Protein backbone atom coordinates (compact mmCIF):
# COMPACT_ATOMS: atom_id res chain seq x y z
CA MET A 1 -34.62 6.81 -10.63
CA LEU A 2 -31.86 6.64 -8.31
CA SER A 3 -31.20 3.15 -9.53
CA SER A 4 -30.92 4.54 -13.09
CA ILE A 5 -28.70 7.61 -12.60
CA THR A 6 -25.52 5.79 -11.52
CA PRO A 7 -22.05 5.56 -13.07
CA LEU A 8 -22.89 2.02 -14.26
CA GLY A 9 -26.13 2.99 -15.97
CA GLU A 10 -24.60 6.09 -17.51
CA ARG A 11 -21.79 4.23 -18.98
CA GLY A 12 -24.10 1.67 -20.52
CA ARG A 13 -25.78 4.77 -22.26
CA ALA A 14 -22.50 6.27 -23.34
CA SER A 15 -23.25 9.23 -21.01
CA ARG A 16 -21.10 10.78 -18.25
CA TRP A 17 -22.41 10.39 -14.70
CA PRO A 18 -20.87 13.66 -13.31
CA VAL A 19 -22.52 15.63 -16.30
CA THR A 20 -25.99 14.02 -15.86
CA VAL A 21 -25.73 14.59 -12.04
CA ALA A 22 -24.73 18.12 -12.40
CA PHE A 23 -27.79 18.94 -14.69
CA HIS A 24 -29.96 16.92 -12.36
CA LEU A 25 -29.06 18.98 -9.41
CA LEU A 26 -29.33 22.12 -11.41
CA GLY A 27 -32.80 21.32 -12.82
CA SER A 28 -34.17 20.38 -9.21
CA ALA A 29 -32.67 23.54 -7.66
CA ALA A 30 -33.79 25.80 -10.50
CA ALA A 31 -37.34 24.42 -10.39
CA GLY A 32 -37.53 24.61 -6.67
CA THR A 33 -36.26 28.07 -6.72
CA ALA A 34 -38.88 29.09 -9.37
CA LEU A 35 -41.81 27.47 -7.38
CA GLY A 36 -40.68 28.98 -4.24
CA ALA A 37 -40.54 32.43 -5.71
CA LEU A 38 -44.03 32.15 -7.23
CA LEU A 39 -45.44 30.90 -3.86
CA GLY A 40 -43.64 33.72 -1.94
CA LEU A 41 -45.21 36.29 -4.51
CA ALA A 42 -48.54 34.85 -3.91
CA GLY A 43 -47.98 34.95 -0.20
CA ALA A 44 -47.20 38.76 -0.65
CA LEU A 45 -50.95 39.18 -1.44
CA LEU A 46 -51.89 37.70 1.96
CA PRO A 47 -52.33 40.08 4.96
CA LEU A 48 -49.56 38.31 6.84
CA GLU A 49 -48.47 41.64 8.41
CA HIS A 50 -51.55 41.57 10.72
CA ALA A 51 -51.53 39.47 13.85
CA VAL A 52 -54.72 37.38 13.31
CA PRO A 53 -54.06 36.15 9.65
CA ALA A 54 -50.28 35.71 10.64
CA ALA A 55 -51.48 33.32 13.62
CA VAL A 56 -53.82 31.52 11.45
CA ALA A 57 -51.06 30.88 8.99
CA LEU A 58 -48.74 29.44 11.71
CA VAL A 59 -51.58 27.25 13.21
CA LEU A 60 -52.11 25.89 9.60
CA LEU A 61 -48.43 25.25 9.09
CA ALA A 62 -47.94 23.60 12.45
CA ALA A 63 -50.95 21.35 11.48
CA PHE A 64 -49.25 20.32 8.20
CA CYS A 65 -46.13 19.53 10.15
CA ALA A 66 -48.08 17.66 12.80
CA ALA A 67 -49.66 15.61 10.16
CA ALA A 68 -46.36 14.87 8.67
CA VAL A 69 -45.00 13.56 11.98
CA ALA A 70 -48.01 11.28 12.23
CA VAL A 71 -47.52 9.95 8.77
CA GLU A 72 -43.91 9.46 9.05
CA THR A 73 -44.44 7.68 12.37
CA GLY A 74 -46.98 5.32 11.14
CA ARG A 75 -49.78 6.87 13.14
CA LEU A 76 -51.65 8.23 10.13
CA PRO A 77 -51.78 6.56 6.63
CA ALA A 78 -49.89 8.15 3.83
CA LEU A 79 -51.61 11.25 2.41
CA PRO A 80 -53.47 10.89 -0.84
CA THR A 81 -51.11 11.42 -3.98
CA TRP A 82 -50.98 10.41 -7.48
CA HIS A 83 -48.53 7.85 -8.57
CA ARG A 84 -46.90 9.46 -11.72
CA GLN A 85 -43.12 8.79 -12.01
CA VAL A 86 -40.70 10.27 -14.44
CA ASP A 87 -40.76 8.90 -17.80
CA GLU A 88 -37.92 6.13 -18.00
CA ASP A 89 -38.10 6.29 -21.78
CA TRP A 90 -36.17 9.44 -21.68
CA LEU A 91 -33.22 7.53 -20.49
CA HIS A 92 -32.85 5.78 -23.89
CA ARG A 93 -34.30 8.88 -25.94
CA TYR A 94 -32.13 11.78 -25.00
CA ARG A 95 -28.73 12.66 -23.87
CA GLY A 96 -27.65 12.30 -20.25
CA TRP A 97 -27.81 16.05 -19.58
CA VAL A 98 -31.24 16.34 -21.08
CA TYR A 99 -32.81 13.67 -18.75
CA GLY A 100 -30.80 14.78 -15.86
CA LEU A 101 -32.17 18.15 -16.12
CA GLY A 102 -35.70 17.04 -16.92
CA TYR A 103 -35.96 14.65 -14.04
CA GLY A 104 -34.38 17.32 -11.78
CA ALA A 105 -36.84 19.82 -12.72
CA GLN A 106 -39.79 17.43 -11.75
CA LEU A 107 -38.22 16.45 -8.57
CA GLY A 108 -37.75 20.19 -7.61
CA LEU A 109 -41.37 20.97 -8.55
CA GLY A 110 -42.46 18.21 -6.05
CA VAL A 111 -45.85 17.80 -6.82
CA VAL A 112 -45.63 16.70 -10.43
CA THR A 113 -44.44 13.16 -9.42
CA ILE A 114 -45.45 10.86 -6.38
CA VAL A 115 -45.18 12.77 -3.10
CA THR A 116 -43.23 10.39 -0.69
CA SER A 117 -43.41 12.67 2.27
CA PRO A 118 -46.03 15.18 3.63
CA LEU A 119 -42.96 17.47 4.45
CA LEU A 120 -43.44 18.54 0.87
CA TYR A 121 -46.68 20.32 1.63
CA ALA A 122 -45.09 22.13 4.67
CA ALA A 123 -42.38 23.27 2.52
CA LEU A 124 -44.76 24.72 -0.08
CA ALA A 125 -46.73 26.29 2.87
CA LEU A 126 -43.56 27.71 4.13
CA ALA A 127 -42.69 29.25 1.11
CA LEU A 128 -46.05 30.81 0.82
CA MET A 129 -45.72 32.20 4.11
CA THR A 130 -42.45 34.04 3.43
CA GLY A 131 -44.66 36.62 1.91
CA GLY A 132 -42.00 37.52 -0.77
CA PRO A 133 -40.45 36.06 -3.87
CA VAL A 134 -36.88 36.33 -2.69
CA PRO A 135 -37.32 34.38 0.75
CA GLY A 136 -39.76 32.01 -1.08
CA ALA A 137 -37.02 31.30 -3.57
CA VAL A 138 -34.60 30.51 -0.70
CA VAL A 139 -37.13 28.01 0.70
CA GLY A 140 -37.53 26.60 -2.86
CA PHE A 141 -33.86 26.37 -3.64
CA ALA A 142 -33.10 24.55 -0.50
CA PHE A 143 -36.08 22.21 -0.94
CA GLY A 144 -35.03 21.59 -4.61
CA LEU A 145 -31.52 20.94 -3.82
CA ALA A 146 -32.31 18.47 -0.92
CA ARG A 147 -34.74 16.67 -3.16
CA ALA A 148 -32.09 15.85 -5.76
CA ALA A 149 -28.96 15.48 -3.39
CA PRO A 150 -29.48 11.75 -2.77
CA VAL A 151 -28.50 10.99 -6.35
CA LEU A 152 -24.86 11.60 -5.11
CA ALA A 153 -24.99 8.49 -3.04
CA THR A 154 -24.89 6.45 -6.32
CA ARG A 155 -21.32 7.63 -7.24
CA THR A 156 -19.68 4.30 -6.15
CA VAL A 157 -22.33 2.25 -8.17
CA THR A 158 -19.86 1.03 -10.98
CA THR A 159 -20.89 -2.65 -11.13
CA VAL A 160 -23.91 -4.81 -10.87
CA ALA A 161 -22.80 -6.15 -7.41
CA ARG A 162 -22.66 -2.61 -6.11
CA LEU A 163 -25.95 -1.66 -7.60
CA GLY A 164 -27.53 -4.53 -5.61
CA ALA A 165 -25.51 -3.46 -2.40
CA ALA A 166 -26.82 0.26 -2.79
CA HIS A 167 -30.53 -0.83 -3.05
CA ARG A 168 -30.00 -2.95 0.21
CA ARG A 169 -28.24 -0.08 1.97
CA LEU A 170 -31.23 2.49 0.78
CA GLU A 171 -33.74 -0.13 2.22
CA ARG A 172 -31.95 -0.29 5.47
CA LEU A 173 -31.75 3.46 5.75
CA ALA A 174 -35.32 4.03 4.96
CA PRO A 175 -36.54 3.83 8.66
CA ALA A 176 -33.82 6.51 9.46
CA GLY A 177 -35.00 8.67 6.66
CA ARG A 178 -38.53 8.51 8.03
CA ALA A 179 -37.32 9.46 11.51
CA ALA A 180 -35.27 12.28 10.11
CA ALA A 181 -38.49 13.52 8.26
CA ALA A 182 -40.55 13.29 11.47
CA THR A 183 -38.01 14.97 13.58
CA THR A 184 -37.88 18.02 11.13
CA ALA A 185 -41.50 18.21 11.06
CA ALA A 186 -41.62 18.08 14.86
CA LEU A 187 -39.05 20.93 15.11
CA LEU A 188 -41.23 22.90 12.82
CA VAL A 189 -44.19 22.42 14.97
CA LEU A 190 -42.08 23.70 18.17
CA ALA A 191 -40.89 26.74 16.10
CA CYS A 192 -44.47 27.56 15.01
CA ALA A 193 -45.59 27.28 18.73
CA GLY A 194 -42.77 29.36 19.97
CA GLN A 195 -43.62 32.05 17.49
CA LEU A 196 -47.29 31.84 18.49
CA VAL A 197 -46.23 32.09 22.26
CA LEU A 198 -43.82 34.98 21.55
CA GLY A 199 -46.63 36.68 19.49
CA VAL A 200 -46.71 37.64 15.80
CA PRO A 201 -46.43 41.29 14.56
CA ALA A 202 -49.40 43.47 14.87
């Protein structure tokens, strides 16, 4: 999809790249916020104010993150996922702001398209563990915005040659992206361990 929402592609469809991208970011952030709020609301029903359930939740979150580290570093195979992608027919059927918003919303929800990183599940678990719709929404907003932000990297793709160069650059950056995801997951494992050591509220 990144190769589709570019200044080059939008010009060919008589759409404006800044408008499409703005709605793409809006859709992803809004969907992530809504999902995070719902998960936080569900988390409010959990007895996380008690020490034992809170400790169990931290252990489970740490396990999700540890699995993410193992997957991103190649020590475990990718987690099962379905292989649905966004509908590319939208590009020719709707206006730029419509498919920008629709694609963004699907990315922000995370689980309705192919899951490329197990960090998604950690983010969902974290939103659930916040135990409230507002903090859950904050987690969801951050996730949704981060999920859509890479589209900004296509702003210089104004020719076919630059499109090819952008693809090659993304391929070169893929290992760094996996390393960053593994590092983030590892830091979350350490944060969970630190909280367990310090103790959870009784």
